[in-house]
């Protein structure tokens, strides 16, 4: 079965050079950069959790008419 739902948001997690071993995230909506992390995260999982929280905030602000 194929999933036919469409989510316009994508989350990209990537390692950063300084400080080494840390991660950052970027959120894109329909391919366009919406937001990116402003601080390094110690693990990929923590970076993903932070990105998901940012998506949730933006979805709630859209519902409130802010974004």
PDB file of N, CA and C in Angstrom:
ATOM      1  N   UNK A   1       0.845  -1.174   0.000  1.00  0.00           N
ATOM      2  CA  UNK A   1       0.000   0.000   0.000  1.00  0.00           C
ATOM      3  C   UNK A   1       0.895   1.243   0.000  1.00  0.00           C
ATOM      4  N   UNK A   2       0.495   2.210  -0.767  1.00  0.00           N
ATOM      5  CA  UNK A   2       1.289   3.420  -0.889  1.00  0.00           C
ATOM      6  C   UNK A   2       0.669   4.531  -0.059  1.00  0.00           C
ATOM      7  N   UNK A   3       1.513   5.264   0.641  1.00  0.00           N
ATOM      8  CA  UNK A   3       1.040   6.385   1.453  1.00  0.00           C
ATOM      9  C   UNK A   3       0.769   7.566   0.537  1.00  0.00           C
ATOM     10  N   UNK A   4      -0.460   8.046   0.517  1.00  0.00           N
ATOM     11  CA  UNK A   4      -0.831   9.123  -0.393  1.00  0.00           C
ATOM     12  C   UNK A   4      -0.886  10.481   0.296  1.00  0.00           C
ATOM     13  N   UNK A   5      -0.541  10.543   1.583  1.00  0.00           N
ATOM     14  CA  UNK A   5      -0.539  11.829   2.274  1.00  0.00           C
ATOM     15  C   UNK A   5       0.691  12.621   1.853  1.00  0.00           C
ATOM     16  N   UNK A   6       0.544  13.929   1.808  1.00  0.00           N
ATOM     17  CA  UNK A   6       1.643  14.794   1.399  1.00  0.00           C
ATOM     18  C   UNK A   6       1.966  15.736   2.540  1.00  0.00           C
ATOM     19  N   UNK A   7       3.223  15.734   2.953  1.00  0.00           N
ATOM     20  CA  UNK A   7       3.692  16.657   3.977  1.00  0.00           C
ATOM     21  C   UNK A   7       4.671  17.610   3.317  1.00  0.00           C
ATOM     22  N   UNK A   8       4.388  18.896   3.348  1.00  0.00           N
ATOM     23  CA  UNK A   8       5.280  19.836   2.666  1.00  0.00           C
ATOM     24  C   UNK A   8       6.598  20.078   3.404  1.00  0.00           C
ATOM     25  N   UNK A   9       6.704  19.642   4.659  1.00  0.00           N
ATOM     26  CA  UNK A   9       7.909  19.896   5.454  1.00  0.00           C
ATOM     27  C   UNK A   9       8.895  18.736   5.350  1.00  0.00           C
ATOM     28  N   UNK A  10      10.173  19.069   5.237  1.00  0.00           N
ATOM     29  CA  UNK A  10      11.236  18.075   5.330  1.00  0.00           C
ATOM     30  C   UNK A  10      12.253  18.570   6.349  1.00  0.00           C
ATOM     31  N   UNK A  11      12.849  17.634   7.053  1.00  0.00           N
ATOM     32  CA  UNK A  11      13.866  17.950   8.055  1.00  0.00           C
ATOM     33  C   UNK A  11      15.176  17.343   7.587  1.00  0.00           C
ATOM     34  N   UNK A  12      16.210  18.165   7.551  1.00  0.00           N
ATOM     35  CA  UNK A  12      17.544  17.709   7.180  1.00  0.00           C
ATOM     36  C   UNK A  12      18.452  17.818   8.399  1.00  0.00           C
ATOM     37  N   UNK A  13      19.059  16.708   8.789  1.00  0.00           N
ATOM     38  CA  UNK A  13      20.012  16.675   9.896  1.00  0.00           C
ATOM     39  C   UNK A  13      21.393  16.477   9.274  1.00  0.00           C
ATOM     40  N   UNK A  14      22.345  17.311   9.659  1.00  0.00           N
ATOM     41  CA  UNK A  14      23.683  17.175   9.091  1.00  0.00           C
ATOM     42  C   UNK A  14      24.747  17.458  10.148  1.00  0.00           C
ATOM     43  N   UNK A  15      25.893  16.787  10.031  1.00  0.00           N
ATOM     44  CA  UNK A  15      27.007  17.064  10.959  1.00  0.00           C
ATOM     45  C   UNK A  15      27.638  18.410  10.630  1.00  0.00           C
ATOM     46  N   UNK A  16      28.230  19.030  11.633  1.00  0.00           N
ATOM     47  CA  UNK A  16      28.918  20.298  11.419  1.00  0.00           C
ATOM     48  C   UNK A  16      30.407  20.118  11.723  1.00  0.00           C
ATOM     49  N   UNK A  17      31.228  20.976  11.146  1.00  0.00           N
ATOM     50  CA  UNK A  17      32.679  20.861  11.304  1.00  0.00           C
ATOM     51  C   UNK A  17      33.161  21.398  12.652  1.00  0.00           C
ATOM     52  N   UNK A  18      32.585  22.515  13.090  1.00  0.00           N
ATOM     53  CA  UNK A  18      33.002  23.125  14.363  1.00  0.00           C
ATOM     54  C   UNK A  18      31.779  23.360  15.218  1.00  0.00           C
ATOM     55  N   UNK A  19      31.686  22.843  16.365  1.00  0.00           N
ATOM     56  CA  UNK A  19      32.555  21.848  16.983  1.00  0.00           C
ATOM     57  C   UNK A  19      32.324  20.470  16.368  1.00  0.00           C
ATOM     58  N   UNK A  20      33.391  19.740  16.204  1.00  0.00           N
ATOM     59  CA  UNK A  20      33.332  18.421  15.570  1.00  0.00           C
ATOM     60  C   UNK A  20      32.446  17.469  16.368  1.00  0.00           C
ATOM     61  N   UNK A  21      31.730  16.626  15.652  1.00  0.00           N
ATOM     62  CA  UNK A  21      30.869  15.644  16.293  1.00  0.00           C
ATOM     63  C   UNK A  21      29.500  16.170  16.680  1.00  0.00           C
ATOM     64  N   UNK A  22      29.184  17.385  16.309  1.00  0.00           N
ATOM     65  CA  UNK A  22      27.892  17.986  16.634  1.00  0.00           C
ATOM     66  C   UNK A  22      27.014  18.002  15.368  1.00  0.00           C
ATOM     67  N   UNK A  23      25.728  18.262  15.563  1.00  0.00           N
ATOM     68  CA  UNK A  23      24.781  18.222  14.451  1.00  0.00           C
ATOM     69  C   UNK A  23      23.937  19.489  14.419  1.00  0.00           C
ATOM     70  N   UNK A  24      23.432  19.809  13.222  1.00  0.00           N
ATOM     71  CA  UNK A  24      22.498  20.913  13.039  1.00  0.00           C
ATOM     72  C   UNK A  24      21.316  20.400  12.228  1.00  0.00           C
ATOM     73  N   UNK A  25      20.249  21.173  12.175  1.00  0.00           N
ATOM     74  CA  UNK A  25      19.091  20.788  11.381  1.00  0.00           C
ATOM     75  C   UNK A  25      18.598  21.966  10.554  1.00  0.00           C
ATOM     76  N   UNK A  26      17.853  21.630   9.501  1.00  0.00           N
ATOM     77  CA  UNK A  26      17.206  22.635   8.658  1.00  0.00           C
ATOM     78  C   UNK A  26      15.819  22.110   8.327  1.00  0.00           C
ATOM     79  N   UNK A  27      14.839  23.004   8.337  1.00  0.00           N
ATOM     80  CA  UNK A  27      13.468  22.648   7.979  1.00  0.00           C
ATOM     81  C   UNK A  27      13.148  23.329   6.660  1.00  0.00           C
ATOM     82  N   UNK A  28      12.631  22.551   5.729  1.00  0.00           N
ATOM     83  CA  UNK A  28      12.237  23.081   4.433  1.00  0.00           C
ATOM     84  C   UNK A  28      10.758  22.819   4.213  1.00  0.00           C
ATOM     85  N   UNK A  29      10.089  23.782   3.611  1.00  0.00           N
ATOM     86  CA  UNK A  29       8.681  23.628   3.243  1.00  0.00           C
ATOM     87  C   UNK A  29       8.620  23.732   1.735  1.00  0.00           C
ATOM     88  N   UNK A  30       8.215  22.643   1.096  1.00  0.00           N
ATOM     89  CA  UNK A  30       8.185  22.556  -0.363  1.00  0.00           C
ATOM     90  C   UNK A  30       9.552  22.901  -0.961  1.00  0.00           C
ATOM     91  N   UNK A  31      10.632  22.493  -0.281  1.00  0.00           N
ATOM     92  CA  UNK A  31      11.983  22.693  -0.766  1.00  0.00           C
ATOM     93  C   UNK A  31      12.620  24.018  -0.392  1.00  0.00           C
ATOM     94  N   UNK A  32      11.849  24.944   0.150  1.00  0.00           N
ATOM     95  CA  UNK A  32      12.367  26.262   0.498  1.00  0.00           C
ATOM     96  C   UNK A  32      12.718  26.300   1.991  1.00  0.00           C
ATOM     97  N   UNK A  33      13.918  26.821   2.310  1.00  0.00           N
ATOM     98  CA  UNK A  33      14.360  26.888   3.694  1.00  0.00           C
ATOM     99  C   UNK A  33      13.420  27.760   4.516  1.00  0.00           C
ATOM    100  N   UNK A  34      12.934  27.194   5.621  1.00  0.00           N
ATOM    101  CA  UNK A  34      12.026  27.911   6.513  1.00  0.00           C
ATOM    102  C   UNK A  34      12.750  28.314   7.787  1.00  0.00           C
ATOM    103  N   UNK A  35      13.516  27.375   8.333  1.00  0.00           N
ATOM    104  CA  UNK A  35      14.196  27.613   9.611  1.00  0.00           C
ATOM    105  C   UNK A  35      15.379  26.669   9.721  1.00  0.00           C
ATOM    106  N   UNK A  36      16.413  27.091  10.456  1.00  0.00           N
ATOM    107  CA  UNK A  36      17.533  26.195  10.735  1.00  0.00           C
ATOM    108  C   UNK A  36      17.985  26.399  12.172  1.00  0.00           C
ATOM    109  N   UNK A  37      18.674  25.415  12.692  1.00  0.00           N
ATOM    110  CA  UNK A  37      19.113  25.484  14.086  1.00  0.00           C
ATOM    111  C   UNK A  37      20.141  26.587  14.259  1.00  0.00           C
ATOM    112  N   UNK A  38      20.080  27.217  15.408  1.00  0.00           N
ATOM    113  CA  UNK A  38      21.023  28.294  15.694  1.00  0.00           C
ATOM    114  C   UNK A  38      22.116  27.847  16.653  1.00  0.00           C
ATOM    115  N   UNK A  39      22.064  26.598  17.061  1.00  0.00           N
ATOM    116  CA  UNK A  39      23.088  26.068  17.963  1.00  0.00           C
ATOM    117  C   UNK A  39      23.370  24.613  17.623  1.00  0.00           C
ATOM    118  N   UNK A  40      24.567  24.145  17.946  1.00  0.00           N
ATOM    119  CA  UNK A  40      24.900  22.735  17.679  1.00  0.00           C
ATOM    120  C   UNK A  40      24.219  21.810  18.685  1.00  0.00           C
ATOM    121  N   UNK A  41      23.950  20.595  18.243  1.00  0.00           N
ATOM    122  CA  UNK A  41      23.337  19.573  19.096  1.00  0.00           C
ATOM    123  C   UNK A  41      24.318  18.413  19.230  1.00  0.00           C
ATOM    124  N   UNK A  42      24.457  17.850  20.433  1.00  0.00           N
ATOM    125  CA  UNK A  42      25.479  16.826  20.678  1.00  0.00           C
ATOM    126  C   UNK A  42      25.246  15.498  19.960  1.00  0.00           C
ATOM    127  N   UNK A  43      23.985  15.173  19.656  1.00  0.00           N
ATOM    128  CA  UNK A  43      23.695  13.916  18.965  1.00  0.00           C
ATOM    129  C   UNK A  43      22.702  14.182  17.835  1.00  0.00           C
ATOM    130  N   UNK A  44      22.671  13.265  16.897  1.00  0.00           N
ATOM    131  CA  UNK A  44      21.729  13.364  15.788  1.00  0.00           C
ATOM    132  C   UNK A  44      20.292  13.272  16.295  1.00  0.00           C
ATOM    133  N   UNK A  45      20.069  12.427  17.299  1.00  0.00           N
ATOM    134  CA  UNK A  45      18.726  12.265  17.860  1.00  0.00           C
ATOM    135  C   UNK A  45      18.239  13.555  18.524  1.00  0.00           C
ATOM    136  N   UNK A  46      19.125  14.241  19.232  1.00  0.00           N
ATOM    137  CA  UNK A  46      18.729  15.499  19.870  1.00  0.00           C
ATOM    138  C   UNK A  46      18.467  16.583  18.836  1.00  0.00           C
ATOM    139  N   UNK A  47      19.230  16.588  17.768  1.00  0.00           N
ATOM    140  CA  UNK A  47      18.990  17.546  16.691  1.00  0.00           C
ATOM    141  C   UNK A  47      17.631  17.284  16.049  1.00  0.00           C
ATOM    142  N   UNK A  48      17.311  16.018  15.834  1.00  0.00           N
ATOM    143  CA  UNK A  48      16.013  15.668  15.245  1.00  0.00           C
ATOM    144  C   UNK A  48      14.869  16.053  16.170  1.00  0.00           C
ATOM    145  N   UNK A  49      15.016  15.803  17.461  1.00  0.00           N
ATOM    146  CA  UNK A  49      13.965  16.169  18.417  1.00  0.00           C
ATOM    147  C   UNK A  49      13.753  17.680  18.436  1.00  0.00           C
ATOM    148  N   UNK A  50      14.832  18.436  18.367  1.00  0.00           N
ATOM    149  CA  UNK A  50      14.726  19.892  18.336  1.00  0.00           C
ATOM    150  C   UNK A  50      14.028  20.360  17.058  1.00  0.00           C
ATOM    151  N   UNK A  51      14.353  19.737  15.936  1.00  0.00           N
ATOM    152  CA  UNK A  51      13.717  20.092  14.660  1.00  0.00           C
ATOM    153  C   UNK A  51      12.229  19.768  14.675  1.00  0.00           C
ATOM    154  N   UNK A  52      11.877  18.623  15.219  1.00  0.00           N
ATOM    155  CA  UNK A  52      10.459  18.257  15.303  1.00  0.00           C
ATOM    156  C   UNK A  52       9.689  19.238  16.186  1.00  0.00           C
ATOM    157  N   UNK A  53      10.294  19.675  17.266  1.00  0.00           N
ATOM    158  CA  UNK A  53       9.657  20.669  18.129  1.00  0.00           C
ATOM    159  C   UNK A  53       9.462  21.986  17.382  1.00  0.00           C
ATOM    160  N   UNK A  54      10.426  22.358  16.560  1.00  0.00           N
ATOM    161  CA  UNK A  54      10.304  23.588  15.768  1.00  0.00           C
ATOM    162  C   UNK A  54       9.192  23.469  14.739  1.00  0.00           C
ATOM    163  N   UNK A  55       9.054  22.299  14.122  1.00  0.00           N
ATOM    164  CA  UNK A  55       7.955  22.085  13.166  1.00  0.00           C
ATOM    165  C   UNK A  55       6.616  22.184  13.884  1.00  0.00           C
ATOM    166  N   UNK A  56       6.525  21.580  15.059  1.00  0.00           N
ATOM    167  CA  UNK A  56       5.278  21.665  15.842  1.00  0.00           C
ATOM    168  C   UNK A  56       4.942  23.109  16.169  1.00  0.00           C
ATOM    169  N   UNK A  57       5.938  23.891  16.592  1.00  0.00           N
ATOM    170  CA  UNK A  57       5.700  25.309  16.888  1.00  0.00           C
ATOM    171  C   UNK A  57       5.193  26.045  15.653  1.00  0.00           C
ATOM    172  N   UNK A  58       5.817  25.773  14.513  1.00  0.00           N
ATOM    173  CA  UNK A  58       5.412  26.479  13.298  1.00  0.00           C
ATOM    174  C   UNK A  58       4.017  26.060  12.853  1.00  0.00           C
ATOM    175  N   UNK A  59       3.666  24.784  13.043  1.00  0.00           N
ATOM    176  CA  UNK A  59       2.323  24.340  12.678  1.00  0.00           C
ATOM    177  C   UNK A  59       1.276  25.014  13.565  1.00  0.00           C
ATOM    178  N   UNK A  60       1.578  25.169  14.839  1.00  0.00           N
ATOM    179  CA  UNK A  60       0.640  25.822  15.743  1.00  0.00           C
ATOM    180  C   UNK A  60       0.524  27.310  15.428  1.00  0.00           C
ATOM    181  N   UNK A  61       1.630  27.928  15.027  1.00  0.00           N
ATOM    182  CA  UNK A  61       1.564  29.349  14.702  1.00  0.00           C
ATOM    183  C   UNK A  61       0.822  29.582  13.383  1.00  0.00           C
ATOM    184  N   UNK A  62       0.898  28.602  12.444  1.00  0.00           N
ATOM    185  CA  UNK A  62       0.135  28.698  11.201  1.00  0.00           C
ATOM    186  C   UNK A  62      -1.347  28.632  11.510  1.00  0.00           C
ATOM    187  N   UNK A  63      -1.708  27.729  12.413  1.00  0.00           N
ATOM    188  CA  UNK A  63      -3.114  27.600  12.787  1.00  0.00           C
ATOM    189  C   UNK A  63      -3.613  28.880  13.455  1.00  0.00           C
ATOM    190  N   UNK A  64      -2.714  29.582  14.137  1.00  0.00           N
ATOM    191  CA  UNK A  64      -3.074  30.830  14.790  1.00  0.00           C
ATOM    192  C   UNK A  64      -2.989  32.029  13.854  1.00  0.00           C
ATOM    193  N   UNK A  65      -2.536  31.797  12.606  1.00  0.00           N
ATOM    194  CA  UNK A  65      -2.474  32.863  11.632  1.00  0.00           C
ATOM    195  C   UNK A  65      -1.203  33.683  11.635  1.00  0.00           C
ATOM    196  N   UNK A  66      -0.141  33.181  12.250  1.00  0.00           N
ATOM    197  CA  UNK A  66       1.088  33.951  12.342  1.00  0.00           C
ATOM    198  C   UNK A  66       2.097  33.643  11.254  1.00  0.00           C
ATOM    199  N   UNK A  67       2.070  32.477  10.611  1.00  0.00           N
ATOM    200  CA  UNK A  67       3.155  32.110   9.720  1.00  0.00           C
ATOM    201  C   UNK A  67       2.696  31.951   8.349  1.00  0.00           C
TER     202      UNK A  67
END
